[in-house]
Structure formats: structure tokens, C-alpha cells
């Protein structure tokens, strides 16, 4: 082989090797973002809470932020059974990881509706993440969909000092009205909270964010809701946004024309959701934009 041919072959081999190494590096980077299943300590050292944990990419040297995702009714930590693990949220997951935030999906039960047990379990999950992962206690955020959206708001009502901000995608904000509108949810909601006909009125009012707006005085809320939602009518977000606005509390509300009760509603808003959770409400950001399309 002449000198020129030898150099050409070496160059081609180098290029192939470089491509292979680069491809392996890219593949490793993708796989590194895959979540792990972890058992985090439960309340008072009792049964552990199963969680899906997404690590930041890379893990910050100092304190990190934490996003806890609460899934919709019937969900769990299993693959495809929690909303934020699905395709419409893929970009959002990536952005949160790149910005140094841990993302945790806590399995609190399929129909917990943030009852007292779920509330204490979530306390324990947050405590464990703060202790074990060097989380900044002032950077704990909630991100919920449907039941999980309502549960995020309910938890914040009970622990307003623990939560920095909340993203609520099609939340129920008035349980008294909703259980009349969609009556087949009455049994699971009332069973979760031990509600009886005698305690119903007071108990449902205590669960309803619309009746407890004061809890959100210092906790910014982002609401996302479709105007064609037949599971949770859009007035739940409209009414809550109006109540927050009346009080002068921080919020963002996007009513999406044509959108139903489906994760696809989030696809267009992934960057804004990530910005809201990691940067807060920007000074020039409108509080409400019902005209924005999916």
C-alpha cells in the first residue's frame, strides 16, 4: 500500500471511530436520562413510598430544585401510567433535567385524591429528597394533571410554606359542583376522604381550592385547561383564575381552544411550563391568554 493510500485508510478509520464514539456518547446521554424506581422512606419510618426518579443532567454541584409530579385518577408509578412520562411532556422533562431539577413521581395510590395518608406520604418523599439529594427546601414545586392537579392544589392549601409554585393541568377547583356535574367520581373521592352525607358540605368545601384561595397568596399557580374538556369543565380553571386575580395573587392561565381532557394539551406549552417552574412568572408575562392555540 502506498503512503497516500495508507493515510487515506487511516483517515477513514479515524472518521468511522469518531462517529462511533460520538454515537455511543449520544446514546449514553439519552439512556442516562432514563428514570429509576426508588423506595423512599415513608412517614415515621413506616412503609416506603415507591417513586419514579429522574435525575438532573448533570447533577448540580450545589443544591438542586425538585419537581414532584402527581398523576391523574387511576395512575401509578408504572410506565405510561403517569402523565409526565408520556410523549407530550418529553421536552419538558428534558428541560427540567438540563436546568438541574430532580423530577419525582410519587406513587400515592390510584385514587388517593390527596387524603391525609397521601399528604403525609408526600411530606416524607419531599423530606427524603431534601436530605438525600441536596434539594433546596425553597425550590420544591408541584406539577399535577387532573386528580393530580387538584391534589397539588390541595397539598399546597395544607402546606403553603413548603411549595414554591404549582402547575395544574385541568384541575378540579370546586368539588361540590364537580361531583354534581360528573357524579360517578363521588364514590372514589368521598371514600378517599371518609366523607359521609352528614359531613359532605363542609368536607368538600375544605377540599376545594376555590374556597381556599388565601392559601395561594405567595404560591404562583399555572393553570392549563381546554375549553372542550368534558371530564373537568373549563370553568374550574376560569373560576379559580378569576378568584386569584381578584385577590391580586400570582398566576398564569391558558385556556386552550378545542382542547379536551388529554395530555396533548401540554405539547405546545412545554417550554413555558419548564420556565414557570424554574424561573417563575416573568414581569412581561400575561396572566391569562384564552386565545392561544394548541
C-alpha atoms as a PDB file:
ATOM      1  CA  UNK A   1       0.000   0.000   0.000  1.00  0.00           C
ATOM      2  CA  UNK A   2       1.492   3.381  -0.995  1.00  0.00           C
ATOM      3  CA  UNK A   3       1.846   6.193   1.522  1.00  0.00           C
ATOM      4  CA  UNK A   4      -1.134   8.136   0.186  1.00  0.00           C
ATOM      5  CA  UNK A   5      -3.449   5.092   0.359  1.00  0.00           C
ATOM      6  CA  UNK A   6      -2.271   4.288   3.879  1.00  0.00           C
ATOM      7  CA  UNK A   7      -3.019   7.828   5.050  1.00  0.00           C
ATOM      8  CA  UNK A   8      -6.438   7.707   3.350  1.00  0.00           C
ATOM      9  CA  UNK A   9      -7.345   4.439   5.084  1.00  0.00           C
ATOM     10  CA  UNK A  10      -6.193   5.787   8.433  1.00  0.00           C
ATOM     11  CA  UNK A  11      -8.268   8.926   7.920  1.00  0.00           C
ATOM     12  CA  UNK A  12     -11.364   6.898   7.055  1.00  0.00           C
ATOM     13  CA  UNK A  13     -10.815   4.659  10.094  1.00  0.00           C
ATOM     14  CA  UNK A  14     -10.441   7.716  12.301  1.00  0.00           C
ATOM     15  CA  UNK A  15     -13.667   9.209  10.962  1.00  0.00           C
ATOM     16  CA  UNK A  16     -15.562   5.949  11.496  1.00  0.00           C
ATOM     17  CA  UNK A  17     -14.156   5.637  15.018  1.00  0.00           C
ATOM     18  CA  UNK A  18     -15.034   9.255  15.791  1.00  0.00           C
ATOM     19  CA  UNK A  19     -18.570   8.713  14.502  1.00  0.00           C
ATOM     20  CA  UNK A  20     -18.918   5.522  16.562  1.00  0.00           C
ATOM     21  CA  UNK A  21     -17.649   7.190  19.737  1.00  0.00           C
ATOM     22  CA  UNK A  22     -19.934  10.161  19.136  1.00  0.00           C
ATOM     23  CA  UNK A  23     -22.904   7.883  18.570  1.00  0.00           C
ATOM     24  CA  UNK A  24     -22.142   5.921  21.725  1.00  0.00           C
ATOM     25  CA  UNK A  25     -21.839   9.194  23.627  1.00  0.00           C
ATOM     26  CA  UNK A  26     -25.203  10.390  22.350  1.00  0.00           C
ATOM     27  CA  UNK A  27     -26.793   7.040  23.157  1.00  0.00           C
ATOM     28  CA  UNK A  28     -25.310   7.092  26.649  1.00  0.00           C
ATOM     29  CA  UNK A  29     -26.643  10.584  27.177  1.00  0.00           C
ATOM     30  CA  UNK A  30     -30.159   9.509  26.183  1.00  0.00           C
ATOM     31  CA  UNK A  31     -30.062   6.425  28.413  1.00  0.00           C
ATOM     32  CA  UNK A  32     -28.659   8.429  31.327  1.00  0.00           C
ATOM     33  CA  UNK A  33     -31.886  10.428  31.347  1.00  0.00           C
ATOM     34  CA  UNK A  34     -33.985   7.284  31.896  1.00  0.00           C
ATOM     35  CA  UNK A  35     -35.656   7.230  35.323  1.00  0.00           C
ATOM     36  CA  UNK A  36     -35.069   4.785  38.142  1.00  0.00           C
ATOM     37  CA  UNK A  37     -37.571   3.217  40.533  1.00  0.00           C
ATOM     38  CA  UNK A  38     -36.672   4.012  44.137  1.00  0.00           C
ATOM     39  CA  UNK A  39     -38.182   3.235  47.517  1.00  0.00           C
ATOM     40  CA  UNK A  40     -38.143   6.445  49.549  1.00  0.00           C
ATOM     41  CA  UNK A  41     -38.743   6.379  53.315  1.00  0.00           C
ATOM     42  CA  UNK A  42     -42.387   6.675  54.297  1.00  0.00           C
ATOM     43  CA  UNK A  43     -43.798   8.735  57.183  1.00  0.00           C
ATOM     44  CA  UNK A  44     -42.459   7.806  60.635  1.00  0.00           C
ATOM     45  CA  UNK A  45     -40.333   5.023  59.190  1.00  0.00           C
ATOM     46  CA  UNK A  46     -43.361   3.070  58.001  1.00  0.00           C
ATOM     47  CA  UNK A  47     -43.911   1.531  54.559  1.00  0.00           C
ATOM     48  CA  UNK A  48     -41.692   3.064  51.885  1.00  0.00           C
ATOM     49  CA  UNK A  49     -43.167   5.106  49.044  1.00  0.00           C
ATOM     50  CA  UNK A  50     -42.411   3.832  45.540  1.00  0.00           C
ATOM     51  CA  UNK A  51     -41.199   6.664  43.327  1.00  0.00           C
ATOM     52  CA  UNK A  52     -40.000   7.195  39.785  1.00  0.00           C
ATOM     53  CA  UNK A  53     -36.915   9.411  39.959  1.00  0.00           C
ATOM     54  CA  UNK A  54     -35.475  11.400  37.039  1.00  0.00           C
ATOM     55  CA  UNK A  55     -32.003  12.755  37.776  1.00  0.00           C
ATOM     56  CA  UNK A  56     -30.777  16.167  36.608  1.00  0.00           C
ATOM     57  CA  UNK A  57     -28.357  16.084  33.669  1.00  0.00           C
ATOM     58  CA  UNK A  58     -25.833  16.755  35.087  1.00  0.00           C
ATOM     59  CA  UNK A  59     -26.451  16.688  38.835  1.00  0.00           C
ATOM     60  CA  UNK A  60     -25.623  20.176  40.206  1.00  0.00           C
ATOM     61  CA  UNK A  61     -22.622  20.576  42.486  1.00  0.00           C
ATOM     62  CA  UNK A  62     -24.674  22.680  44.903  1.00  0.00           C
ATOM     63  CA  UNK A  63     -28.307  22.483  45.923  1.00  0.00           C
ATOM     64  CA  UNK A  64     -30.833  21.427  43.299  1.00  0.00           C
ATOM     65  CA  UNK A  65     -34.524  22.038  42.726  1.00  0.00           C
ATOM     66  CA  UNK A  66     -37.296  19.452  42.979  1.00  0.00           C
ATOM     67  CA  UNK A  67     -40.436  18.920  40.899  1.00  0.00           C
ATOM     68  CA  UNK A  68     -42.957  16.401  42.267  1.00  0.00           C
ATOM     69  CA  UNK A  69     -45.421  15.118  39.677  1.00  0.00           C
ATOM     70  CA  UNK A  70     -48.868  13.933  40.743  1.00  0.00           C
ATOM     71  CA  UNK A  71     -50.670  11.840  38.128  1.00  0.00           C
ATOM     72  CA  UNK A  72     -54.331  11.593  37.176  1.00  0.00           C
ATOM     73  CA  UNK A  73     -57.024   9.282  38.554  1.00  0.00           C
ATOM     74  CA  UNK A  74     -56.135   5.597  38.200  1.00  0.00           C
ATOM     75  CA  UNK A  75     -52.440   6.305  37.674  1.00  0.00           C
ATOM     76  CA  UNK A  76     -49.360   4.868  39.358  1.00  0.00           C
ATOM     77  CA  UNK A  77     -45.562   4.866  39.128  1.00  0.00           C
ATOM     78  CA  UNK A  78     -45.676   2.262  36.350  1.00  0.00           C
ATOM     79  CA  UNK A  79     -44.606   3.138  32.824  1.00  0.00           C
ATOM     80  CA  UNK A  80     -47.264   5.038  30.847  1.00  0.00           C
ATOM     81  CA  UNK A  81     -49.443   5.308  33.964  1.00  0.00           C
ATOM     82  CA  UNK A  82     -48.215   8.753  34.977  1.00  0.00           C
ATOM     83  CA  UNK A  83     -48.819  11.759  32.749  1.00  0.00           C
ATOM     84  CA  UNK A  84     -45.438  13.462  32.755  1.00  0.00           C
ATOM     85  CA  UNK A  85     -43.760  10.293  31.486  1.00  0.00           C
ATOM     86  CA  UNK A  86     -45.699  10.437  28.224  1.00  0.00           C
ATOM     87  CA  UNK A  87     -44.650  11.895  24.861  1.00  0.00           C
ATOM     88  CA  UNK A  88     -46.382  15.315  25.144  1.00  0.00           C
ATOM     89  CA  UNK A  89     -44.118  16.069  28.124  1.00  0.00           C
ATOM     90  CA  UNK A  90     -40.820  14.740  26.693  1.00  0.00           C
ATOM     91  CA  UNK A  91     -39.341  18.184  26.003  1.00  0.00           C
ATOM     92  CA  UNK A  92     -40.423  19.441  29.414  1.00  0.00           C
ATOM     93  CA  UNK A  93     -38.673  16.519  31.148  1.00  0.00           C
ATOM     94  CA  UNK A  94     -35.502  17.215  29.189  1.00  0.00           C
ATOM     95  CA  UNK A  95     -35.551  20.929  30.007  1.00  0.00           C
ATOM     96  CA  UNK A  96     -36.074  20.309  33.723  1.00  0.00           C
ATOM     97  CA  UNK A  97     -33.165  17.851  33.787  1.00  0.00           C
ATOM     98  CA  UNK A  98     -30.872  20.243  31.911  1.00  0.00           C
ATOM     99  CA  UNK A  99     -31.706  23.011  34.374  1.00  0.00           C
ATOM    100  CA  UNK A 100     -30.638  20.967  37.375  1.00  0.00           C
ATOM    101  CA  UNK A 101     -34.018  19.841  38.695  1.00  0.00           C
ATOM    102  CA  UNK A 102     -34.888  16.445  40.090  1.00  0.00           C
ATOM    103  CA  UNK A 103     -38.260  15.113  38.916  1.00  0.00           C
ATOM    104  CA  UNK A 104     -40.066  12.630  41.167  1.00  0.00           C
ATOM    105  CA  UNK A 105     -43.313  10.754  40.573  1.00  0.00           C
ATOM    106  CA  UNK A 106     -44.617   9.588  43.951  1.00  0.00           C
ATOM    107  CA  UNK A 107     -46.980   6.593  43.905  1.00  0.00           C
ATOM    108  CA  UNK A 108     -49.564   7.641  46.483  1.00  0.00           C
ATOM    109  CA  UNK A 109     -52.309   5.291  45.264  1.00  0.00           C
ATOM    110  CA  UNK A 110     -54.560   5.190  42.225  1.00  0.00           C
ATOM    111  CA  UNK A 111     -57.424   7.126  43.826  1.00  0.00           C
ATOM    112  CA  UNK A 112     -55.851   8.994  46.747  1.00  0.00           C
ATOM    113  CA  UNK A 113     -57.266  12.470  45.964  1.00  0.00           C
ATOM    114  CA  UNK A 114     -54.648  13.839  48.404  1.00  0.00           C
ATOM    115  CA  UNK A 115     -56.246  12.375  51.505  1.00  0.00           C
ATOM    116  CA  UNK A 116     -54.429  12.548  54.829  1.00  0.00           C
ATOM    117  CA  UNK A 117     -52.392   9.407  54.136  1.00  0.00           C
ATOM    118  CA  UNK A 118     -51.241  10.731  50.761  1.00  0.00           C
ATOM    119  CA  UNK A 119     -50.420  14.096  52.303  1.00  0.00           C
ATOM    120  CA  UNK A 120     -48.132  12.572  54.947  1.00  0.00           C
ATOM    121  CA  UNK A 121     -46.543  10.301  52.340  1.00  0.00           C
ATOM    122  CA  UNK A 122     -45.757  13.308  50.172  1.00  0.00           C
ATOM    123  CA  UNK A 123     -44.299  15.055  53.224  1.00  0.00           C
ATOM    124  CA  UNK A 124     -41.962  12.087  53.654  1.00  0.00           C
ATOM    125  CA  UNK A 125     -40.974  11.981  49.973  1.00  0.00           C
ATOM    126  CA  UNK A 126     -40.074  15.670  49.966  1.00  0.00           C
ATOM    127  CA  UNK A 127     -38.138  15.297  53.238  1.00  0.00           C
ATOM    128  CA  UNK A 128     -36.197  12.327  51.859  1.00  0.00           C
ATOM    129  CA  UNK A 129     -35.282  14.169  48.665  1.00  0.00           C
ATOM    130  CA  UNK A 130     -34.150  17.231  50.612  1.00  0.00           C
ATOM    131  CA  UNK A 131     -31.954  15.074  52.851  1.00  0.00           C
ATOM    132  CA  UNK A 132     -30.568  12.577  50.340  1.00  0.00           C
ATOM    133  CA  UNK A 133     -30.310  14.622  47.129  1.00  0.00           C
ATOM    134  CA  UNK A 134     -29.258  18.019  48.470  1.00  0.00           C
ATOM    135  CA  UNK A 135     -32.516  19.684  47.434  1.00  0.00           C
ATOM    136  CA  UNK A 136     -33.027  23.342  48.265  1.00  0.00           C
ATOM    137  CA  UNK A 137     -36.125  23.352  50.542  1.00  0.00           C
ATOM    138  CA  UNK A 138     -37.126  26.673  48.976  1.00  0.00           C
ATOM    139  CA  UNK A 139     -37.216  25.146  45.485  1.00  0.00           C
ATOM    140  CA  UNK A 140     -39.884  22.444  45.817  1.00  0.00           C
ATOM    141  CA  UNK A 141     -42.589  22.595  43.139  1.00  0.00           C
ATOM    142  CA  UNK A 142     -45.683  20.530  42.303  1.00  0.00           C
ATOM    143  CA  UNK A 143     -46.870  19.586  38.820  1.00  0.00           C
ATOM    144  CA  UNK A 144     -50.170  17.726  38.565  1.00  0.00           C
ATOM    145  CA  UNK A 145     -52.735  16.672  35.988  1.00  0.00           C
ATOM    146  CA  UNK A 146     -56.467  16.125  36.607  1.00  0.00           C
ATOM    147  CA  UNK A 147     -56.700  14.362  40.004  1.00  0.00           C
ATOM    148  CA  UNK A 148     -53.019  15.184  40.403  1.00  0.00           C
ATOM    149  CA  UNK A 149     -53.655  18.845  39.583  1.00  0.00           C
ATOM    150  CA  UNK A 150     -56.348  19.062  42.246  1.00  0.00           C
ATOM    151  CA  UNK A 151     -54.123  17.113  44.642  1.00  0.00           C
ATOM    152  CA  UNK A 152     -51.251  19.543  44.032  1.00  0.00           C
ATOM    153  CA  UNK A 153     -53.534  22.429  44.943  1.00  0.00           C
ATOM    154  CA  UNK A 154     -54.940  20.593  47.986  1.00  0.00           C
ATOM    155  CA  UNK A 155     -51.444  19.793  49.277  1.00  0.00           C
ATOM    156  CA  UNK A 156     -50.446  23.420  48.817  1.00  0.00           C
ATOM    157  CA  UNK A 157     -53.542  24.510  50.754  1.00  0.00           C
ATOM    158  CA  UNK A 158     -52.323  22.351  53.650  1.00  0.00           C
ATOM    159  CA  UNK A 159     -48.597  23.102  53.325  1.00  0.00           C
ATOM    160  CA  UNK A 160     -48.300  26.513  51.644  1.00  0.00           C
ATOM    161  CA  UNK A 161     -44.914  27.137  53.260  1.00  0.00           C
ATOM    162  CA  UNK A 162     -43.395  24.052  51.591  1.00  0.00           C
ATOM    163  CA  UNK A 163     -44.264  24.748  47.947  1.00  0.00           C
ATOM    164  CA  UNK A 164     -42.624  27.307  45.673  1.00  0.00           C
ATOM    165  CA  UNK A 165     -45.076  27.034  42.742  1.00  0.00           C
ATOM    166  CA  UNK A 166     -47.732  24.770  41.212  1.00  0.00           C
ATOM    167  CA  UNK A 167     -48.576  23.731  37.661  1.00  0.00           C
ATOM    168  CA  UNK A 168     -52.162  22.425  37.486  1.00  0.00           C
ATOM    169  CA  UNK A 169     -53.372  20.908  34.209  1.00  0.00           C
ATOM    170  CA  UNK A 170     -57.194  20.684  34.095  1.00  0.00           C
ATOM    171  CA  UNK A 171     -57.750  20.752  37.885  1.00  0.00           C
ATOM    172  CA  UNK A 172     -60.998  20.390  39.822  1.00  0.00           C
ATOM    173  CA  UNK A 173     -61.301  23.510  41.969  1.00  0.00           C
ATOM    174  CA  UNK A 174     -64.888  23.172  43.264  1.00  0.00           C
ATOM    175  CA  UNK A 175     -65.615  19.619  44.407  1.00  0.00           C
ATOM    176  CA  UNK A 176     -69.191  20.322  45.461  1.00  0.00           C
ATOM    177  CA  UNK A 177     -70.074  21.443  41.951  1.00  0.00           C
ATOM    178  CA  UNK A 178     -67.926  18.858  40.145  1.00  0.00           C
ATOM    179  CA  UNK A 179     -69.447  15.837  41.879  1.00  0.00           C
ATOM    180  CA  UNK A 180     -72.844  17.011  40.672  1.00  0.00           C
ATOM    181  CA  UNK A 181     -71.507  17.608  37.149  1.00  0.00           C
ATOM    182  CA  UNK A 182     -69.649  14.264  36.973  1.00  0.00           C
ATOM    183  CA  UNK A 183     -71.390  12.129  39.632  1.00  0.00           C
ATOM    184  CA  UNK A 184     -69.561   8.832  39.013  1.00  0.00           C
ATOM    185  CA  UNK A 185     -66.490  10.308  40.756  1.00  0.00           C
ATOM    186  CA  UNK A 186     -68.404  10.889  44.001  1.00  0.00           C
ATOM    187  CA  UNK A 187     -67.718   7.429  45.432  1.00  0.00           C
ATOM    188  CA  UNK A 188     -63.903   7.391  44.952  1.00  0.00           C
ATOM    189  CA  UNK A 189     -63.488  10.986  46.163  1.00  0.00           C
ATOM    190  CA  UNK A 190     -65.673  10.570  49.237  1.00  0.00           C
ATOM    191  CA  UNK A 191     -64.217   7.149  50.060  1.00  0.00           C
ATOM    192  CA  UNK A 192     -60.679   8.537  49.875  1.00  0.00           C
ATOM    193  CA  UNK A 193     -61.530  11.201  52.447  1.00  0.00           C
ATOM    194  CA  UNK A 194     -64.026   9.284  54.568  1.00  0.00           C
ATOM    195  CA  UNK A 195     -66.795  11.725  53.671  1.00  0.00           C
ATOM    196  CA  UNK A 196     -70.355  10.897  54.714  1.00  0.00           C
ATOM    197  CA  UNK A 197     -73.633  12.578  53.730  1.00  0.00           C
ATOM    198  CA  UNK A 198     -73.567  14.332  57.108  1.00  0.00           C
ATOM    199  CA  UNK A 199     -70.059  15.768  56.611  1.00  0.00           C
ATOM    200  CA  UNK A 200     -70.274  16.271  52.837  1.00  0.00           C
ATOM    201  CA  UNK A 201     -70.836  20.018  52.584  1.00  0.00           C
ATOM    202  CA  UNK A 202     -68.034  21.064  54.931  1.00  0.00           C
ATOM    203  CA  UNK A 203     -65.629  18.367  53.757  1.00  0.00           C
ATOM    204  CA  UNK A 204     -65.960  19.169  50.056  1.00  0.00           C
ATOM    205  CA  UNK A 205     -65.594  22.888  50.730  1.00  0.00           C
ATOM    206  CA  UNK A 206     -62.341  22.203  52.613  1.00  0.00           C
ATOM    207  CA  UNK A 207     -61.050  20.231  49.613  1.00  0.00           C
ATOM    208  CA  UNK A 208     -61.917  22.909  47.068  1.00  0.00           C
ATOM    209  CA  UNK A 209     -59.153  25.358  46.074  1.00  0.00           C
ATOM    210  CA  UNK A 210     -61.815  27.845  45.014  1.00  0.00           C
ATOM    211  CA  UNK A 211     -62.985  28.038  48.630  1.00  0.00           C
ATOM    212  CA  UNK A 212     -59.427  28.338  49.969  1.00  0.00           C
ATOM    213  CA  UNK A 213     -57.831  30.950  47.732  1.00  0.00           C
ATOM    214  CA  UNK A 214     -55.931  32.570  50.624  1.00  0.00           C
ATOM    215  CA  UNK A 215     -53.528  29.620  50.665  1.00  0.00           C
ATOM    216  CA  UNK A 216     -52.108  30.768  47.312  1.00  0.00           C
ATOM    217  CA  UNK A 217     -51.201  34.280  48.361  1.00  0.00           C
ATOM    218  CA  UNK A 218     -47.478  33.581  47.942  1.00  0.00           C
ATOM    219  CA  UNK A 219     -47.577  30.463  45.750  1.00  0.00           C
ATOM    220  CA  UNK A 220     -47.697  31.167  41.989  1.00  0.00           C
ATOM    221  CA  UNK A 221     -50.038  28.887  40.038  1.00  0.00           C
ATOM    222  CA  UNK A 222     -50.017  27.999  36.342  1.00  0.00           C
ATOM    223  CA  UNK A 223     -53.365  26.710  35.044  1.00  0.00           C
ATOM    224  CA  UNK A 224     -53.779  24.910  31.716  1.00  0.00           C
ATOM    225  CA  UNK A 225     -57.262  23.839  30.595  1.00  0.00           C
ATOM    226  CA  UNK A 226     -59.082  23.041  27.347  1.00  0.00           C
ATOM    227  CA  UNK A 227     -62.423  24.638  26.570  1.00  0.00           C
ATOM    228  CA  UNK A 228     -63.767  21.289  25.263  1.00  0.00           C
ATOM    229  CA  UNK A 229     -62.923  19.334  28.426  1.00  0.00           C
ATOM    230  CA  UNK A 230     -65.895  17.118  29.309  1.00  0.00           C
ATOM    231  CA  UNK A 231     -64.297  15.444  32.337  1.00  0.00           C
ATOM    232  CA  UNK A 232     -63.406  18.611  34.226  1.00  0.00           C
ATOM    233  CA  UNK A 233     -65.327  21.552  32.725  1.00  0.00           C
ATOM    234  CA  UNK A 234     -63.122  24.545  31.983  1.00  0.00           C
ATOM    235  CA  UNK A 235     -64.990  26.797  34.421  1.00  0.00           C
ATOM    236  CA  UNK A 236     -62.986  25.143  37.217  1.00  0.00           C
ATOM    237  CA  UNK A 237     -59.837  26.905  35.990  1.00  0.00           C
ATOM    238  CA  UNK A 238     -61.691  30.021  34.852  1.00  0.00           C
ATOM    239  CA  UNK A 239     -63.314  30.497  38.248  1.00  0.00           C
ATOM    240  CA  UNK A 240     -60.097  29.811  40.146  1.00  0.00           C
ATOM    241  CA  UNK A 241     -58.126  32.200  37.924  1.00  0.00           C
ATOM    242  CA  UNK A 242     -60.767  34.883  38.487  1.00  0.00           C
ATOM    243  CA  UNK A 243     -60.555  34.374  42.252  1.00  0.00           C
ATOM    244  CA  UNK A 244     -56.752  34.619  42.195  1.00  0.00           C
ATOM    245  CA  UNK A 245     -56.926  37.727  40.031  1.00  0.00           C
ATOM    246  CA  UNK A 246     -59.427  39.365  42.371  1.00  0.00           C
ATOM    247  CA  UNK A 247     -57.026  38.837  45.268  1.00  0.00           C
ATOM    248  CA  UNK A 248     -54.019  40.007  43.288  1.00  0.00           C
ATOM    249  CA  UNK A 249     -52.251  36.668  43.705  1.00  0.00           C
ATOM    250  CA  UNK A 250     -49.671  35.439  41.147  1.00  0.00           C
ATOM    251  CA  UNK A 251     -50.998  33.133  38.428  1.00  0.00           C
ATOM    252  CA  UNK A 252     -50.955  32.271  34.723  1.00  0.00           C
ATOM    253  CA  UNK A 253     -53.983  30.780  32.979  1.00  0.00           C
ATOM    254  CA  UNK A 254     -54.053  29.349  29.464  1.00  0.00           C
ATOM    255  CA  UNK A 255     -57.442  28.277  28.149  1.00  0.00           C
ATOM    256  CA  UNK A 256     -56.775  26.226  25.033  1.00  0.00           C
ATOM    257  CA  UNK A 257     -59.439  26.354  22.286  1.00  0.00           C
ATOM    258  CA  UNK A 258     -60.574  22.923  21.138  1.00  0.00           C
ATOM    259  CA  UNK A 259     -58.515  21.011  23.709  1.00  0.00           C
ATOM    260  CA  UNK A 260     -60.071  18.142  25.656  1.00  0.00           C
ATOM    261  CA  UNK A 261     -59.068  16.163  28.764  1.00  0.00           C
ATOM    262  CA  UNK A 262     -55.889  14.823  27.177  1.00  0.00           C
ATOM    263  CA  UNK A 263     -52.136  15.121  27.706  1.00  0.00           C
ATOM    264  CA  UNK A 264     -51.771  16.556  24.190  1.00  0.00           C
ATOM    265  CA  UNK A 265     -52.839  19.909  25.627  1.00  0.00           C
ATOM    266  CA  UNK A 266     -49.350  20.325  27.103  1.00  0.00           C
ATOM    267  CA  UNK A 267     -47.307  19.778  23.947  1.00  0.00           C
ATOM    268  CA  UNK A 268     -47.243  23.439  22.870  1.00  0.00           C
ATOM    269  CA  UNK A 269     -46.651  24.703  26.410  1.00  0.00           C
ATOM    270  CA  UNK A 270     -43.676  22.561  27.446  1.00  0.00           C
ATOM    271  CA  UNK A 271     -41.103  25.360  27.358  1.00  0.00           C
ATOM    272  CA  UNK A 272     -43.430  27.699  29.228  1.00  0.00           C
ATOM    273  CA  UNK A 273     -44.139  25.069  31.889  1.00  0.00           C
ATOM    274  CA  UNK A 274     -40.410  24.478  32.376  1.00  0.00           C
ATOM    275  CA  UNK A 275     -39.760  28.232  32.505  1.00  0.00           C
ATOM    276  CA  UNK A 276     -42.544  28.746  35.045  1.00  0.00           C
ATOM    277  CA  UNK A 277     -41.199  26.008  37.323  1.00  0.00           C
ATOM    278  CA  UNK A 278     -37.543  27.013  37.071  1.00  0.00           C
ATOM    279  CA  UNK A 279     -37.717  30.795  36.575  1.00  0.00           C
ATOM    280  CA  UNK A 280     -41.128  31.831  37.905  1.00  0.00           C
ATOM    281  CA  UNK A 281     -43.539  34.299  36.330  1.00  0.00           C
ATOM    282  CA  UNK A 282     -41.739  36.816  34.129  1.00  0.00           C
ATOM    283  CA  UNK A 283     -42.611  40.541  34.517  1.00  0.00           C
ATOM    284  CA  UNK A 284     -43.927  40.856  30.944  1.00  0.00           C
ATOM    285  CA  UNK A 285     -45.908  37.614  31.013  1.00  0.00           C
ATOM    286  CA  UNK A 286     -49.712  37.978  30.672  1.00  0.00           C
ATOM    287  CA  UNK A 287     -51.733  36.371  33.453  1.00  0.00           C
ATOM    288  CA  UNK A 288     -54.345  34.938  31.091  1.00  0.00           C
ATOM    289  CA  UNK A 289     -54.329  34.053  27.394  1.00  0.00           C
ATOM    290  CA  UNK A 290     -57.506  32.245  26.321  1.00  0.00           C
ATOM    291  CA  UNK A 291     -56.781  32.875  22.636  1.00  0.00           C
ATOM    292  CA  UNK A 292     -53.554  30.875  22.437  1.00  0.00           C
ATOM    293  CA  UNK A 293     -53.995  27.781  20.270  1.00  0.00           C
ATOM    294  CA  UNK A 294     -52.616  24.304  20.767  1.00  0.00           C
END
